[in-house]
Amino acid sequence: MIRLNLQEDTSFEKLPVSVYANPEEASIVVASRIADIIRKKQLSGERAVLGLATGDTPIRVYKELIRLHKEEGLSFKNVVSFNLDEYYPMLPDAEQSYVSFMYNNLFNHIDIDKDNIYIPDGTLAVEDIPSYCIAYEERITELGGIDLQLLGIGRTGHIGFNEPGSGPSTDTRLVTLEDLTREDASSSFGGKENVPHQAITMGIGTVLRAKEIVLIAWGEKKGEIVQKAVEGEMSSDVPSTFLQQSNNVEFILDEGAAFKLTRFATR
């Protein structure tokens, strides 16, 4: 981890930030933090409720969790997971679905009870989505809330699919995706024209109710939006800035994603 020196000024940062040399090192730290929660809950006979993210960023975290399961005996039998989002419409067995992503990158390789996996349903009729989203929120509440919410960040500043215009009190709902978000996903769909225009996502309010929030970001491509989220004023123009409202949030970055923070950009 980059150690602060006397020339590094973190006073511009409005929430805690930890910076590591590379994504691999940072991912091990995040996976260890998740594993600690799981083990602690196991000792007390409780469920560990995890909020999980998709995309390239968390893949290394999931690989380390799989390693902990296979090599160090970490069990996921007491884990309940809620995924942040899913494209709409989307079939669960489609290559681009977040159901496929989660099973391919985590669930197929650990001993989680499949009945404890919750991922937004991209096959619903439009008229059924509002009641489904209410039930999604209610299930999280029934289980005592999310113990740790893992987040990435999009170039529009979105967390989940809470695009610009999303407020801090939003709950799970159907949203319309920004053009930049669809462009960033285009390679997975064989062109932007094939990317769905909508998604079902947990709201910012849903995220903020988590007991711990960890946002991870790698690479210089994320540097500008990370700087806005960490040092900018809270605004629906950059929804991730609303994470500044939480007392239990941490940004975990590699050096590339941190390079525009004032403490590194001006030293």
C-alpha atoms as a PDB file:
ATOM      1  CA  MET A   1       0.000   0.000   0.000  1.00  0.00           C
ATOM      2  CA  ILE A   2       1.205   3.522  -0.727  1.00  0.00           C
ATOM      3  CA  ARG A   3       2.234   5.049   2.569  1.00  0.00           C
ATOM      4  CA  LEU A   4       1.482   8.683   3.200  1.00  0.00           C
ATOM      5  CA  ASN A   5       4.443  11.000   3.470  1.00  0.00           C
ATOM      6  CA  LEU A   6       4.609  14.575   4.700  1.00  0.00           C
ATOM      7  CA  GLN A   7       3.946  15.944   1.200  1.00  0.00           C
ATOM      8  CA  GLU A   8       0.697  14.042   0.712  1.00  0.00           C
ATOM      9  CA  ASP A   9      -2.378  16.039   1.633  1.00  0.00           C
ATOM     10  CA  THR A  10      -5.531  13.977   2.145  1.00  0.00           C
ATOM     11  CA  SER A  11      -7.600  16.939   3.348  1.00  0.00           C
ATOM     12  CA  PHE A  12      -9.396  17.144  -0.001  1.00  0.00           C
ATOM     13  CA  GLU A  13     -10.699  13.581   0.377  1.00  0.00           C
ATOM     14  CA  LYS A  14     -14.201  13.452   1.800  1.00  0.00           C
ATOM     15  CA  LEU A  15     -14.193   9.749   2.605  1.00  0.00           C
ATOM     16  CA  PRO A  16     -11.560   7.117   3.487  1.00  0.00           C
ATOM     17  CA  VAL A  17      -9.289   5.991   0.657  1.00  0.00           C
ATOM     18  CA  SER A  18      -6.687   3.213   0.672  1.00  0.00           C
ATOM     19  CA  VAL A  19      -4.295   2.910  -2.263  1.00  0.00           C
ATOM     20  CA  TYR A  20      -2.406  -0.262  -3.181  1.00  0.00           C
ATOM     21  CA  ALA A  21       0.332  -0.910  -5.675  1.00  0.00           C
ATOM     22  CA  ASN A  22      -1.772  -3.052  -7.999  1.00  0.00           C
ATOM     23  CA  PRO A  23      -5.228  -4.659  -8.333  1.00  0.00           C
ATOM     24  CA  GLU A  24      -3.966  -8.049  -7.191  1.00  0.00           C
ATOM     25  CA  GLU A  25      -2.726  -6.766  -3.846  1.00  0.00           C
ATOM     26  CA  ALA A  26      -5.870  -4.719  -3.295  1.00  0.00           C
ATOM     27  CA  SER A  27      -8.174  -7.607  -4.238  1.00  0.00           C
ATOM     28  CA  ILE A  28      -6.566  -9.882  -1.662  1.00  0.00           C
ATOM     29  CA  VAL A  29      -7.235  -7.253   1.002  1.00  0.00           C
ATOM     30  CA  VAL A  30     -10.896  -6.938  -0.026  1.00  0.00           C
ATOM     31  CA  ALA A  31     -11.430 -10.707  -0.199  1.00  0.00           C
ATOM     32  CA  SER A  32      -9.862 -11.095   3.246  1.00  0.00           C
ATOM     33  CA  ARG A  33     -12.238  -8.480   4.614  1.00  0.00           C
ATOM     34  CA  ILE A  34     -15.226 -10.363   3.165  1.00  0.00           C
ATOM     35  CA  ALA A  35     -13.901 -13.666   4.502  1.00  0.00           C
ATOM     36  CA  ASP A  36     -13.535 -12.183   7.989  1.00  0.00           C
ATOM     37  CA  ILE A  37     -17.206 -11.210   7.992  1.00  0.00           C
ATOM     38  CA  ILE A  38     -18.248 -14.681   6.827  1.00  0.00           C
ATOM     39  CA  ARG A  39     -16.168 -16.408   9.505  1.00  0.00           C
ATOM     40  CA  LYS A  40     -17.329 -14.064  12.260  1.00  0.00           C
ATOM     41  CA  LYS A  41     -20.960 -14.722  11.358  1.00  0.00           C
ATOM     42  CA  GLN A  42     -20.316 -18.466  11.258  1.00  0.00           C
ATOM     43  CA  LEU A  43     -18.979 -18.404  14.802  1.00  0.00           C
ATOM     44  CA  SER A  44     -22.180 -16.769  16.024  1.00  0.00           C
ATOM     45  CA  GLY A  45     -24.464 -18.973  13.910  1.00  0.00           C
ATOM     46  CA  GLU A  46     -25.617 -16.057  11.767  1.00  0.00           C
ATOM     47  CA  ARG A  47     -25.984 -15.417   8.050  1.00  0.00           C
ATOM     48  CA  ALA A  48     -23.496 -13.169   6.278  1.00  0.00           C
ATOM     49  CA  VAL A  49     -25.397 -10.955   3.840  1.00  0.00           C
ATOM     50  CA  LEU A  50     -23.241  -9.698   0.972  1.00  0.00           C
ATOM     51  CA  GLY A  51     -24.020  -7.171  -1.724  1.00  0.00           C
ATOM     52  CA  LEU A  52     -22.098  -8.143  -4.846  1.00  0.00           C
ATOM     53  CA  ALA A  53     -21.030  -6.365  -8.019  1.00  0.00           C
ATOM     54  CA  THR A  54     -20.207  -7.447 -11.555  1.00  0.00           C
ATOM     55  CA  GLY A  55     -17.793  -6.280 -14.249  1.00  0.00           C
ATOM     56  CA  ASP A  56     -14.057  -6.678 -14.701  1.00  0.00           C
ATOM     57  CA  THR A  57     -13.134  -4.920 -11.452  1.00  0.00           C
ATOM     58  CA  PRO A  58     -14.318  -7.507  -8.866  1.00  0.00           C
ATOM     59  CA  ILE A  59     -13.142 -10.590 -10.788  1.00  0.00           C
ATOM     60  CA  ARG A  60      -9.819 -10.716  -8.900  1.00  0.00           C
ATOM     61  CA  VAL A  61     -11.699 -10.459  -5.587  1.00  0.00           C
ATOM     62  CA  TYR A  62     -13.864 -13.401  -6.561  1.00  0.00           C
ATOM     63  CA  LYS A  63     -10.818 -15.421  -7.641  1.00  0.00           C
ATOM     64  CA  GLU A  64      -9.276 -14.886  -4.214  1.00  0.00           C
ATOM     65  CA  LEU A  65     -12.531 -15.905  -2.484  1.00  0.00           C
ATOM     66  CA  ILE A  66     -12.558 -19.084  -4.561  1.00  0.00           C
ATOM     67  CA  ARG A  67      -8.948 -19.749  -3.551  1.00  0.00           C
ATOM     68  CA  LEU A  68      -9.837 -19.236   0.107  1.00  0.00           C
ATOM     69  CA  HIS A  69     -12.655 -21.729  -0.280  1.00  0.00           C
ATOM     70  CA  LYS A  70     -10.623 -24.384  -2.074  1.00  0.00           C
ATOM     71  CA  GLU A  71      -7.299 -24.002  -0.280  1.00  0.00           C
ATOM     72  CA  GLU A  72      -8.206 -22.669   3.164  1.00  0.00           C
ATOM     73  CA  GLY A  73     -11.632 -24.169   3.729  1.00  0.00           C
ATOM     74  CA  LEU A  74     -13.687 -20.968   3.709  1.00  0.00           C
ATOM     75  CA  SER A  75     -17.329 -22.058   3.558  1.00  0.00           C
ATOM     76  CA  PHE A  76     -20.102 -19.956   2.034  1.00  0.00           C
ATOM     77  CA  LYS A  77     -22.977 -22.043   3.384  1.00  0.00           C
ATOM     78  CA  ASN A  78     -24.047 -19.214   5.673  1.00  0.00           C
ATOM     79  CA  VAL A  79     -23.817 -16.550   2.942  1.00  0.00           C
ATOM     80  CA  VAL A  80     -26.780 -14.804   1.344  1.00  0.00           C
ATOM     81  CA  SER A  81     -25.925 -12.626  -1.653  1.00  0.00           C
ATOM     82  CA  PHE A  82     -27.778  -9.814  -3.358  1.00  0.00           C
ATOM     83  CA  ASN A  83     -26.496  -8.547  -6.672  1.00  0.00           C
ATOM     84  CA  LEU A  84     -26.625  -4.873  -7.450  1.00  0.00           C
ATOM     85  CA  ASP A  85     -28.188  -5.029 -10.872  1.00  0.00           C
ATOM     86  CA  GLU A  86     -29.092  -6.766 -14.122  1.00  0.00           C
ATOM     87  CA  TYR A  87     -29.722  -5.587 -17.664  1.00  0.00           C
ATOM     88  CA  TYR A  88     -33.343  -5.415 -18.780  1.00  0.00           C
ATOM     89  CA  PRO A  89     -34.522  -7.307 -20.668  1.00  0.00           C
ATOM     90  CA  MET A  90     -32.051 -10.146 -20.178  1.00  0.00           C
ATOM     91  CA  LEU A  91     -32.328 -13.929 -20.155  1.00  0.00           C
ATOM     92  CA  PRO A  92     -30.431 -15.496 -17.225  1.00  0.00           C
ATOM     93  CA  ASP A  93     -28.547 -17.945 -19.475  1.00  0.00           C
ATOM     94  CA  ALA A  94     -27.399 -15.243 -21.911  1.00  0.00           C
ATOM     95  CA  GLU A  95     -23.644 -14.810 -22.061  1.00  0.00           C
ATOM     96  CA  GLN A  96     -23.947 -11.143 -21.110  1.00  0.00           C
ATOM     97  CA  SER A  97     -26.308 -11.669 -18.169  1.00  0.00           C
ATOM     98  CA  TYR A  98     -25.104 -10.976 -14.665  1.00  0.00           C
ATOM     99  CA  VAL A  99     -26.527 -14.334 -13.643  1.00  0.00           C
ATOM    100  CA  SER A 100     -24.040 -15.990 -16.016  1.00  0.00           C
ATOM    101  CA  PHE A 101     -21.265 -13.690 -14.816  1.00  0.00           C
ATOM    102  CA  MET A 102     -21.793 -14.481 -11.143  1.00  0.00           C
ATOM    103  CA  TYR A 103     -22.067 -18.243 -11.622  1.00  0.00           C
ATOM    104  CA  ASN A 104     -19.057 -18.383 -13.952  1.00  0.00           C
ATOM    105  CA  ASN A 105     -16.853 -16.183 -11.790  1.00  0.00           C
ATOM    106  CA  LEU A 106     -17.927 -17.200  -8.280  1.00  0.00           C
ATOM    107  CA  PHE A 107     -20.998 -19.262  -7.477  1.00  0.00           C
ATOM    108  CA  ASN A 108     -20.091 -22.375  -9.512  1.00  0.00           C
ATOM    109  CA  HIS A 109     -16.819 -22.636  -7.579  1.00  0.00           C
ATOM    110  CA  ILE A 110     -17.968 -22.306  -3.954  1.00  0.00           C
ATOM    111  CA  ASP A 111     -20.445 -24.057  -1.656  1.00  0.00           C
ATOM    112  CA  ILE A 112     -23.071 -21.316  -1.435  1.00  0.00           C
ATOM    113  CA  ASP A 113     -26.686 -22.501  -1.216  1.00  0.00           C
ATOM    114  CA  LYS A 114     -28.235 -21.539  -4.554  1.00  0.00           C
ATOM    115  CA  ASP A 115     -31.466 -20.623  -2.740  1.00  0.00           C
ATOM    116  CA  ASN A 116     -29.492 -17.872  -1.010  1.00  0.00           C
ATOM    117  CA  ILE A 117     -28.565 -16.129  -4.278  1.00  0.00           C
ATOM    118  CA  TYR A 118     -30.579 -13.082  -5.317  1.00  0.00           C
ATOM    119  CA  ILE A 119     -29.978 -11.406  -8.682  1.00  0.00           C
ATOM    120  CA  PRO A 120     -32.482  -9.002 -10.268  1.00  0.00           C
ATOM    121  CA  ASP A 121     -34.728 -10.771 -12.771  1.00  0.00           C
ATOM    122  CA  GLY A 122     -34.321  -9.477 -16.307  1.00  0.00           C
ATOM    123  CA  THR A 123     -37.196 -11.583 -17.664  1.00  0.00           C
ATOM    124  CA  LEU A 124     -40.077  -9.877 -15.827  1.00  0.00           C
ATOM    125  CA  ALA A 125     -42.983  -8.214 -17.564  1.00  0.00           C
ATOM    126  CA  VAL A 126     -42.651  -4.455 -17.211  1.00  0.00           C
ATOM    127  CA  GLU A 127     -45.797  -4.215 -15.121  1.00  0.00           C
ATOM    128  CA  ASP A 128     -44.376  -6.730 -12.612  1.00  0.00           C
ATOM    129  CA  ILE A 129     -41.121  -4.854 -11.986  1.00  0.00           C
ATOM    130  CA  PRO A 130     -42.321  -2.392  -9.305  1.00  0.00           C
ATOM    131  CA  SER A 131     -43.691  -5.116  -7.008  1.00  0.00           C
ATOM    132  CA  TYR A 132     -40.597  -7.260  -7.642  1.00  0.00           C
ATOM    133  CA  CYS A 133     -38.318  -4.379  -6.641  1.00  0.00           C
ATOM    134  CA  ILE A 134     -40.286  -3.792  -3.446  1.00  0.00           C
ATOM    135  CA  ALA A 135     -39.958  -7.498  -2.606  1.00  0.00           C
ATOM    136  CA  TYR A 136     -36.188  -7.339  -3.283  1.00  0.00           C
ATOM    137  CA  GLU A 137     -35.845  -4.515  -0.757  1.00  0.00           C
ATOM    138  CA  GLU A 138     -38.067  -6.302   1.749  1.00  0.00           C
ATOM    139  CA  ARG A 139     -35.995  -9.483   1.539  1.00  0.00           C
ATOM    140  CA  ILE A 140     -32.804  -7.549   2.312  1.00  0.00           C
ATOM    141  CA  THR A 141     -34.517  -6.017   5.329  1.00  0.00           C
ATOM    142  CA  GLU A 142     -35.886  -9.367   6.519  1.00  0.00           C
ATOM    143  CA  LEU A 143     -32.338 -10.736   6.582  1.00  0.00           C
ATOM    144  CA  GLY A 144     -31.091  -7.875   8.722  1.00  0.00           C
ATOM    145  CA  GLY A 145     -29.559  -5.751   5.974  1.00  0.00           C
ATOM    146  CA  ILE A 146     -26.408  -6.060   3.920  1.00  0.00           C
ATOM    147  CA  ASP A 147     -23.255  -6.623   5.989  1.00  0.00           C
ATOM    148  CA  LEU A 148     -20.860  -5.569   3.236  1.00  0.00           C
ATOM    149  CA  GLN A 149     -21.705  -4.007  -0.101  1.00  0.00           C
ATOM    150  CA  LEU A 150     -19.069  -4.328  -2.829  1.00  0.00           C
ATOM    151  CA  LEU A 151     -19.158  -1.645  -5.522  1.00  0.00           C
ATOM    152  CA  GLY A 152     -17.419  -0.673  -8.696  1.00  0.00           C
ATOM    153  CA  ILE A 153     -17.753   2.724 -10.354  1.00  0.00           C
ATOM    154  CA  GLY A 154     -18.713   3.572 -13.918  1.00  0.00           C
ATOM    155  CA  ARG A 155     -17.322   6.429 -15.953  1.00  0.00           C
ATOM    156  CA  THR A 156     -20.597   8.326 -15.555  1.00  0.00           C
ATOM    157  CA  GLY A 157     -20.099   8.085 -11.798  1.00  0.00           C
ATOM    158  CA  HIS A 158     -22.742   5.417 -11.453  1.00  0.00           C
ATOM    159  CA  ILE A 159     -22.757   2.812  -8.685  1.00  0.00           C
ATOM    160  CA  GLY A 160     -24.880  -0.140  -9.600  1.00  0.00           C
ATOM    161  CA  PHE A 161     -26.749   1.334 -12.537  1.00  0.00           C
ATOM    162  CA  ASN A 162     -27.645   4.526 -10.678  1.00  0.00           C
ATOM    163  CA  GLU A 163     -26.910   6.912 -13.497  1.00  0.00           C
ATOM    164  CA  PRO A 164     -26.611  10.723 -13.251  1.00  0.00           C
ATOM    165  CA  GLY A 165     -29.880  12.121 -11.942  1.00  0.00           C
ATOM    166  CA  SER A 166     -30.187   9.412  -9.282  1.00  0.00           C
ATOM    167  CA  GLY A 167     -30.714  10.682  -5.761  1.00  0.00           C
ATOM    168  CA  PRO A 168     -29.498   9.366  -2.402  1.00  0.00           C
ATOM    169  CA  SER A 169     -32.912   8.055  -1.337  1.00  0.00           C
ATOM    170  CA  THR A 170     -33.534   5.851  -4.392  1.00  0.00           C
ATOM    171  CA  ASP A 171     -34.430   2.188  -3.922  1.00  0.00           C
ATOM    172  CA  THR A 172     -34.365  -0.823  -6.263  1.00  0.00           C
ATOM    173  CA  ARG A 173     -36.031   0.104  -9.558  1.00  0.00           C
ATOM    174  CA  LEU A 174     -35.952   0.046 -13.362  1.00  0.00           C
ATOM    175  CA  VAL A 175     -33.615   2.675 -14.856  1.00  0.00           C
ATOM    176  CA  THR A 176     -32.517   3.917 -18.276  1.00  0.00           C
ATOM    177  CA  LEU A 177     -28.819   3.572 -19.091  1.00  0.00           C
ATOM    178  CA  GLU A 178     -26.619   6.453 -20.218  1.00  0.00           C
ATOM    179  CA  ASP A 179     -25.079   6.330 -23.673  1.00  0.00           C
ATOM    180  CA  LEU A 180     -21.550   6.168 -22.192  1.00  0.00           C
ATOM    181  CA  THR A 181     -22.513   3.197 -20.011  1.00  0.00           C
ATOM    182  CA  ARG A 182     -23.862   1.351 -23.042  1.00  0.00           C
ATOM    183  CA  GLU A 183     -20.738   2.248 -25.008  1.00  0.00           C
ATOM    184  CA  ASP A 184     -18.519   0.815 -22.268  1.00  0.00           C
ATOM    185  CA  ALA A 185     -20.514  -2.430 -22.389  1.00  0.00           C
ATOM    186  CA  SER A 186     -20.542  -2.662 -26.184  1.00  0.00           C
ATOM    187  CA  SER A 187     -17.635  -5.079 -26.541  1.00  0.00           C
ATOM    188  CA  SER A 188     -19.505  -7.709 -24.516  1.00  0.00           C
ATOM    189  CA  PHE A 189     -22.572  -7.387 -26.728  1.00  0.00           C
ATOM    190  CA  GLY A 190     -20.914  -7.194 -30.136  1.00  0.00           C
ATOM    191  CA  GLY A 191     -21.771  -3.527 -30.542  1.00  0.00           C
ATOM    192  CA  LYS A 192     -23.527  -0.760 -28.647  1.00  0.00           C
ATOM    193  CA  GLU A 193     -26.696  -1.285 -30.660  1.00  0.00           C
ATOM    194  CA  ASN A 194     -27.094  -4.659 -28.908  1.00  0.00           C
ATOM    195  CA  VAL A 195     -26.735  -3.329 -25.356  1.00  0.00           C
ATOM    196  CA  PRO A 196     -30.074  -3.053 -23.520  1.00  0.00           C
ATOM    197  CA  HIS A 197     -31.300   0.465 -22.853  1.00  0.00           C
ATOM    198  CA  GLN A 198     -32.529  -0.359 -19.347  1.00  0.00           C
ATOM    199  CA  ALA A 199     -31.545  -2.222 -16.193  1.00  0.00           C
ATOM    200  CA  ILE A 200     -32.929  -3.157 -12.795  1.00  0.00           C
ATOM    201  CA  THR A 201     -30.668  -1.804 -10.062  1.00  0.00           C
ATOM    202  CA  MET A 202     -30.486  -1.397  -6.317  1.00  0.00           C
ATOM    203  CA  GLY A 203     -30.849   2.263  -5.440  1.00  0.00           C
ATOM    204  CA  ILE A 204     -28.304   4.547  -3.853  1.00  0.00           C
ATOM    205  CA  GLY A 205     -30.454   4.489  -0.734  1.00  0.00           C
ATOM    206  CA  THR A 206     -30.260   0.685  -0.736  1.00  0.00           C
ATOM    207  CA  VAL A 207     -26.471   0.864  -0.922  1.00  0.00           C
ATOM    208  CA  LEU A 208     -26.204   3.499   1.802  1.00  0.00           C
ATOM    209  CA  ARG A 209     -28.120   1.261   4.220  1.00  0.00           C
ATOM    210  CA  ALA A 210     -25.363  -1.381   4.068  1.00  0.00           C
ATOM    211  CA  LYS A 211     -23.340  -1.770   7.275  1.00  0.00           C
ATOM    212  CA  GLU A 212     -20.085  -1.535   5.313  1.00  0.00           C
ATOM    213  CA  ILE A 213     -19.454  -0.282   1.781  1.00  0.00           C
ATOM    214  CA  VAL A 214     -16.288  -0.989  -0.190  1.00  0.00           C
ATOM    215  CA  LEU A 215     -15.833   0.610  -3.601  1.00  0.00           C
ATOM    216  CA  ILE A 216     -12.992  -0.762  -5.700  1.00  0.00           C
ATOM    217  CA  ALA A 217     -11.470   0.760  -8.834  1.00  0.00           C
ATOM    218  CA  TRP A 218      -8.436  -0.079 -10.944  1.00  0.00           C
ATOM    219  CA  GLY A 219      -6.562   1.742 -13.667  1.00  0.00           C
ATOM    220  CA  GLU A 220      -6.065   5.296 -14.881  1.00  0.00           C
ATOM    221  CA  LYS A 221      -9.285   5.138 -16.929  1.00  0.00           C
ATOM    222  CA  LYS A 222     -11.149   5.389 -13.606  1.00  0.00           C
ATOM    223  CA  GLY A 223      -8.915   8.141 -12.209  1.00  0.00           C
ATOM    224  CA  GLU A 224     -11.016  11.146 -13.207  1.00  0.00           C
ATOM    225  CA  ILE A 225     -14.342   9.805 -11.943  1.00  0.00           C
ATOM    226  CA  VAL A 226     -12.740   8.510  -8.730  1.00  0.00           C
ATOM    227  CA  GLN A 227     -11.368  11.997  -8.048  1.00  0.00           C
ATOM    228  CA  LYS A 228     -14.834  13.502  -8.536  1.00  0.00           C
ATOM    229  CA  ALA A 229     -16.436  10.901  -6.262  1.00  0.00           C
ATOM    230  CA  VAL A 230     -13.856  11.348  -3.501  1.00  0.00           C
ATOM    231  CA  GLU A 231     -13.164  15.073  -3.619  1.00  0.00           C
ATOM    232  CA  GLY A 232     -16.182  16.575  -5.374  1.00  0.00           C
ATOM    233  CA  GLU A 233     -19.352  18.091  -3.973  1.00  0.00           C
ATOM    234  CA  MET A 234     -22.293  15.753  -3.542  1.00  0.00           C
ATOM    235  CA  SER A 235     -24.463  15.944  -6.642  1.00  0.00           C
ATOM    236  CA  SER A 236     -26.814  13.752  -8.625  1.00  0.00           C
ATOM    237  CA  ASP A 237     -24.601  14.615 -11.614  1.00  0.00           C
ATOM    238  CA  VAL A 238     -22.064  12.184 -10.092  1.00  0.00           C
ATOM    239  CA  PRO A 239     -24.164   9.684  -8.100  1.00  0.00           C
ATOM    240  CA  SER A 240     -21.158   8.052  -6.428  1.00  0.00           C
ATOM    241  CA  THR A 241     -20.543  11.316  -4.528  1.00  0.00           C
ATOM    242  CA  PHE A 242     -23.506  10.391  -2.316  1.00  0.00           C
ATOM    243  CA  LEU A 243     -21.292   7.725  -0.737  1.00  0.00           C
ATOM    244  CA  GLN A 244     -19.835  10.640   1.206  1.00  0.00           C
ATOM    245  CA  GLN A 245     -22.997  10.410   3.346  1.00  0.00           C
ATOM    246  CA  SER A 246     -21.926   7.046   4.766  1.00  0.00           C
ATOM    247  CA  ASN A 247     -19.789   6.696   7.864  1.00  0.00           C
ATOM    248  CA  ASN A 248     -18.900   3.131   6.863  1.00  0.00           C
ATOM    249  CA  VAL A 249     -17.491   3.482   3.355  1.00  0.00           C
ATOM    250  CA  GLU A 250     -13.971   2.980   1.993  1.00  0.00           C
ATOM    251  CA  PHE A 251     -12.568   3.403  -1.503  1.00  0.00           C
ATOM    252  CA  ILE A 252      -9.888   0.801  -2.256  1.00  0.00           C
ATOM    253  CA  LEU A 253      -7.851   1.749  -5.311  1.00  0.00           C
ATOM    254  CA  ASP A 254      -4.759   0.795  -7.213  1.00  0.00           C
ATOM    255  CA  GLU A 255      -2.211   3.499  -8.021  1.00  0.00           C
ATOM    256  CA  GLY A 256      -3.685   4.056 -11.478  1.00  0.00           C
ATOM    257  CA  ALA A 257      -7.188   4.811 -10.216  1.00  0.00           C
ATOM    258  CA  ALA A 258      -5.764   7.115  -7.528  1.00  0.00           C
ATOM    259  CA  PHE A 259      -3.463   9.198  -9.709  1.00  0.00           C
ATOM    260  CA  LYS A 260      -5.790  12.197 -10.003  1.00  0.00           C
ATOM    261  CA  LEU A 261      -6.408  12.555  -6.280  1.00  0.00           C
ATOM    262  CA  THR A 262      -4.928  15.830  -5.052  1.00  0.00           C
ATOM    263  CA  ARG A 263      -2.428  14.116  -2.763  1.00  0.00           C
ATOM    264  CA  PHE A 264      -0.794  12.408  -5.753  1.00  0.00           C
ATOM    265  CA  ALA A 265      -1.504  14.900  -8.541  1.00  0.00           C
ATOM    266  CA  THR A 266       0.099  17.858  -6.753  1.00  0.00           C
ATOM    267  CA  ARG A 267       3.005  16.442  -4.768  1.00  0.00           C
END
